Structures are given as C-alpha cells and as structure tokens.
C-alpha cells in the first residue's frame, strides 16, 4: 500500500510518500510546498492545490492521510490553516484518493510513543523508521509521520470494519470514529 501523508499549512505544506508492506515501511518521496507569502489568499490556496495534485499524479499513492486542524489560540490563524487544509483535501479528493484524518496526538503516539513528542523527536523517529540517511525537514517529517501513522492504524481499522455491528454489541463494544470503545 502506498500512502501520501500531508501536513497542511498556508506557508509550508509538507508531503511524504511511503510504501507499507505489513510492518515494513519504505520511503518513496517527501518535500515541502513553500507558498509565497506575497500572494493573495486565493492564489496561495491554488498553489497548495496544484502542487499536491502534481505530487499525487507523480507518486501514484493508493491512500492519503492528513493531519487534522488543532484549535489555536488565534481564531484567525486557525481559520487560515483550515482553508489550507481544505485545499489539500480537495487536491487529494480530486486525485481519487481515500483520505483518513489523524490528530497530532494520534500521529505522535503512533510514531514516537508519546503525544507530547517534540518536532526533533518526530524527525528522529521518522529517520529511524524509514531508515533514511539524513534527517527530513520538519514539515516533510510531519507528513511522513502522518503516513506512518496511517500505515500502523489502517490494518486495524479495516479489520474492525469487517466485524458486524451485532458482533461488536454482543461483546459490549462499539466502533466510534474508527476506535473500538466499551
């Protein structure tokens, strides 16, 4: 399975592509889409849209994973980030990809083992898990981490989807937003 991970941002949007074969992960590509700050908002969103379409076309992923927007202390910044994320989601949907969304906490736990991991810890673990020669840039590392999170979580989510709802309820459990809860 080839996965495209995206770390959306209005100034810098990271992308990372990996292949997952069971527990084995292989690096394919990564980078950062740098959006010129001088452009008006609509043009900046188009840069993200066009570049992610190109990445999807060139790397041919099977699925995509995107980091969810976190609530910021500045509502205007959160809104702008949401618009950049929307452009990214449109590019992925336009490319015909199934998209899964993960919070920063889920990504950090899946890659580092703790939800309070620093950027440097994420970069180090991404380098280790993908056996890279160098440390990826922060935005690209975040996108690769998102793809790694999906590679770890997708098999379980797929297995849970195959269980009939009545099987889950008999055991006193149910599926909520991709999670098995009591």
Protein backbone atom coordinates (compact mmCIF):
# COMPACT_ATOMS: atom_id res chain seq x y z
CA UNK A 1 0.00 0.00 0.00
CA UNK A 2 1.41 3.41 -0.99
CA UNK A 3 0.40 6.26 1.33
CA UNK A 4 0.63 10.00 0.81
CA UNK A 5 0.82 11.92 4.08
CA UNK A 6 0.10 15.66 4.21
CA UNK A 7 0.91 18.23 6.88
CA UNK A 8 -1.12 21.24 5.68
CA UNK A 9 -0.05 24.81 6.22
CA UNK A 10 -0.65 28.11 4.48
CA UNK A 11 3.05 28.96 4.31
CA UNK A 12 4.57 25.49 4.15
CA UNK A 13 2.72 22.27 3.33
CA UNK A 14 4.68 19.10 3.92
CA UNK A 15 4.12 15.91 1.96
CA UNK A 16 5.57 12.44 2.35
CA UNK A 17 5.01 9.19 0.49
CA UNK A 18 5.79 5.76 1.89
CA UNK A 19 5.06 2.16 0.98
CA UNK A 20 3.81 -0.18 3.68
CA UNK A 21 4.09 -3.95 3.33
CA UNK A 22 2.84 -5.36 6.60
CA UNK A 23 5.10 -3.92 9.29
CA UNK A 24 7.81 -2.95 6.77
CA UNK A 25 7.92 0.68 5.70
CA UNK A 26 9.80 2.09 2.74
CA UNK A 27 10.46 5.73 1.92
CA UNK A 28 9.33 6.89 -1.54
CA UNK A 29 9.42 10.70 -1.57
CA UNK A 30 8.92 13.78 0.56
CA UNK A 31 9.17 17.53 0.40
CA UNK A 32 7.72 20.87 1.30
CA UNK A 33 5.48 23.09 -0.79
CA UNK A 34 6.59 26.62 0.02
CA UNK A 35 3.82 29.12 -0.67
CA UNK A 36 4.91 32.72 -1.38
CA UNK A 37 3.52 34.94 1.38
CA UNK A 38 3.12 37.87 -1.03
CA UNK A 39 0.34 36.11 -2.96
CA UNK A 40 -3.31 36.80 -2.14
CA UNK A 41 -5.10 34.06 -0.21
CA UNK A 42 -6.90 32.52 -3.20
CA UNK A 43 -3.62 32.24 -5.14
CA UNK A 44 -1.87 30.68 -2.13
CA UNK A 45 -4.59 28.05 -1.84
CA UNK A 46 -4.25 27.32 -5.57
CA UNK A 47 -0.51 26.74 -5.13
CA UNK A 48 -1.25 24.10 -2.49
CA UNK A 49 -3.99 22.53 -4.62
CA UNK A 50 -1.92 22.37 -7.81
CA UNK A 51 1.25 21.11 -6.13
CA UNK A 52 -0.49 18.34 -4.18
CA UNK A 53 -2.30 17.23 -7.34
CA UNK A 54 1.11 17.01 -9.02
CA UNK A 55 2.60 15.03 -6.12
CA UNK A 56 -0.33 12.59 -6.23
CA UNK A 57 -0.02 12.24 -10.00
CA UNK A 58 3.74 11.65 -9.86
CA UNK A 59 3.83 9.24 -6.88
CA UNK A 60 0.57 7.31 -7.54
CA UNK A 61 -0.47 6.67 -3.90
CA UNK A 62 -3.30 4.29 -3.01
CA UNK A 63 -4.47 6.23 0.05
CA UNK A 64 -3.85 9.54 1.78
CA UNK A 65 -3.60 10.71 5.37
CA UNK A 66 -3.94 14.31 6.55
CA UNK A 67 -3.27 15.92 9.89
CA UNK A 68 -6.41 17.39 11.47
CA UNK A 69 -6.52 21.06 12.39
CA UNK A 70 -5.89 21.79 16.04
CA UNK A 71 -7.60 24.62 17.85
CA UNK A 72 -5.22 27.54 18.05
CA UNK A 73 -5.33 30.45 20.48
CA UNK A 74 -5.72 32.77 17.49
CA UNK A 75 -9.03 32.08 15.68
CA UNK A 76 -7.86 33.87 12.51
CA UNK A 77 -4.81 31.57 12.27
CA UNK A 78 -7.00 28.52 12.82
CA UNK A 79 -9.34 29.64 10.04
CA UNK A 80 -6.46 30.20 7.60
CA UNK A 81 -4.99 26.79 8.45
CA UNK A 82 -8.42 25.26 7.86
CA UNK A 83 -8.54 26.82 4.41
CA UNK A 84 -5.09 25.42 3.55
CA UNK A 85 -6.27 22.04 4.80
CA UNK A 86 -9.37 22.34 2.64
CA UNK A 87 -7.23 22.97 -0.45
CA UNK A 88 -5.17 19.89 0.43
CA UNK A 89 -8.29 17.75 0.91
CA UNK A 90 -9.69 18.94 -2.43
CA UNK A 91 -6.44 18.03 -4.20
CA UNK A 92 -6.49 14.54 -2.67
CA UNK A 93 -10.19 14.01 -3.43
CA UNK A 94 -9.68 15.27 -6.99
CA UNK A 95 -6.90 12.69 -7.33
CA UNK A 96 -9.36 9.94 -6.38
CA UNK A 97 -7.71 9.07 -3.07
CA UNK A 98 -9.42 7.77 0.04
CA UNK A 99 -8.42 10.16 2.84
CA UNK A 100 -8.06 9.39 6.53
CA UNK A 101 -7.55 12.15 9.09
CA UNK A 102 -5.45 11.96 12.25
CA UNK A 103 -4.89 14.38 15.10
CA UNK A 104 -1.38 15.50 16.00
CA UNK A 105 -1.72 13.46 19.22
CA UNK A 106 -2.55 10.27 17.29
CA UNK A 107 0.36 10.82 14.92
CA UNK A 108 2.86 11.48 17.70
CA UNK A 109 1.71 8.44 19.67
CA UNK A 110 1.92 6.18 16.61
CA UNK A 111 5.40 7.35 15.62
CA UNK A 112 7.16 8.33 18.86
CA UNK A 113 5.03 6.63 21.52
CA UNK A 114 4.00 9.79 23.33
CA UNK A 115 1.55 12.53 22.44
CA UNK A 116 3.90 15.22 23.75
CA UNK A 117 6.75 14.49 21.33
CA UNK A 118 8.80 17.41 20.02
CA UNK A 119 9.46 18.17 16.35
CA UNK A 120 13.01 16.87 16.79
CA UNK A 121 11.76 13.57 18.24
CA UNK A 122 9.39 13.13 15.30
CA UNK A 123 12.20 13.84 12.83
CA UNK A 124 14.48 11.33 14.59
CA UNK A 125 11.87 8.57 14.69
CA UNK A 126 10.84 9.14 11.06
CA UNK A 127 14.51 8.89 10.08
CA UNK A 128 14.87 5.68 12.12
CA UNK A 129 11.61 4.00 10.99
CA UNK A 130 12.24 4.72 7.31
CA UNK A 131 16.00 4.08 7.54
CA UNK A 132 16.86 7.44 5.97
CA UNK A 133 20.42 8.68 5.52
CA UNK A 134 19.57 12.20 6.67
CA UNK A 135 17.04 13.96 8.84
CA UNK A 136 13.99 15.16 6.89
CA UNK A 137 12.88 18.80 7.09
CA UNK A 138 10.28 19.46 9.84
CA UNK A 139 7.25 19.80 7.53
CA UNK A 140 8.22 16.78 5.43
CA UNK A 141 8.90 14.77 8.62
CA UNK A 142 5.43 15.64 9.94
CA UNK A 143 3.87 14.49 6.66
CA UNK A 144 5.89 11.26 6.68
CA UNK A 145 4.83 10.72 10.31
CA UNK A 146 1.20 11.13 9.25
CA UNK A 147 1.70 8.47 6.56
CA UNK A 148 3.42 6.17 9.07
CA UNK A 149 0.52 6.64 11.50
CA UNK A 150 -1.89 5.60 8.76
CA UNK A 151 0.25 2.57 7.90
CA UNK A 152 0.06 1.49 11.55
CA UNK A 153 -3.66 2.25 12.06
CA UNK A 154 -5.24 1.30 8.71
CA UNK A 155 -5.00 -2.52 9.04
CA UNK A 156 -6.79 -2.49 12.41
CA UNK A 157 -9.44 -0.07 11.15
CA UNK A 158 -10.04 -2.28 8.10
CA UNK A 159 -10.35 -5.35 10.31
CA UNK A 160 -12.80 -3.60 12.62
CA UNK A 161 -14.94 -2.61 9.63
CA UNK A 162 -15.31 -6.28 8.69
CA UNK A 163 -16.85 -7.11 12.06
CA UNK A 164 -20.60 -6.98 12.00
CA UNK A 165 -22.16 -4.35 14.30
CA UNK A 166 -24.06 -7.08 16.16
CA UNK A 167 -20.76 -8.86 16.90
CA UNK A 168 -19.39 -5.70 18.47
CA UNK A 169 -22.52 -5.09 20.55
CA UNK A 170 -22.58 -8.67 21.86
CA UNK A 171 -19.12 -8.12 23.26
CA UNK A 172 -20.23 -4.84 24.82
CA UNK A 173 -18.15 -2.75 22.45
CA UNK A 174 -18.89 -0.41 19.60
CA UNK A 175 -16.99 1.39 16.89
CA UNK A 176 -16.83 5.18 17.18
CA UNK A 177 -14.81 7.28 14.73
CA UNK A 178 -12.60 4.33 13.90
CA UNK A 179 -11.98 3.37 17.53
CA UNK A 180 -13.26 0.37 19.45
CA UNK A 181 -14.84 1.63 22.68
CA UNK A 182 -16.68 -0.05 25.55
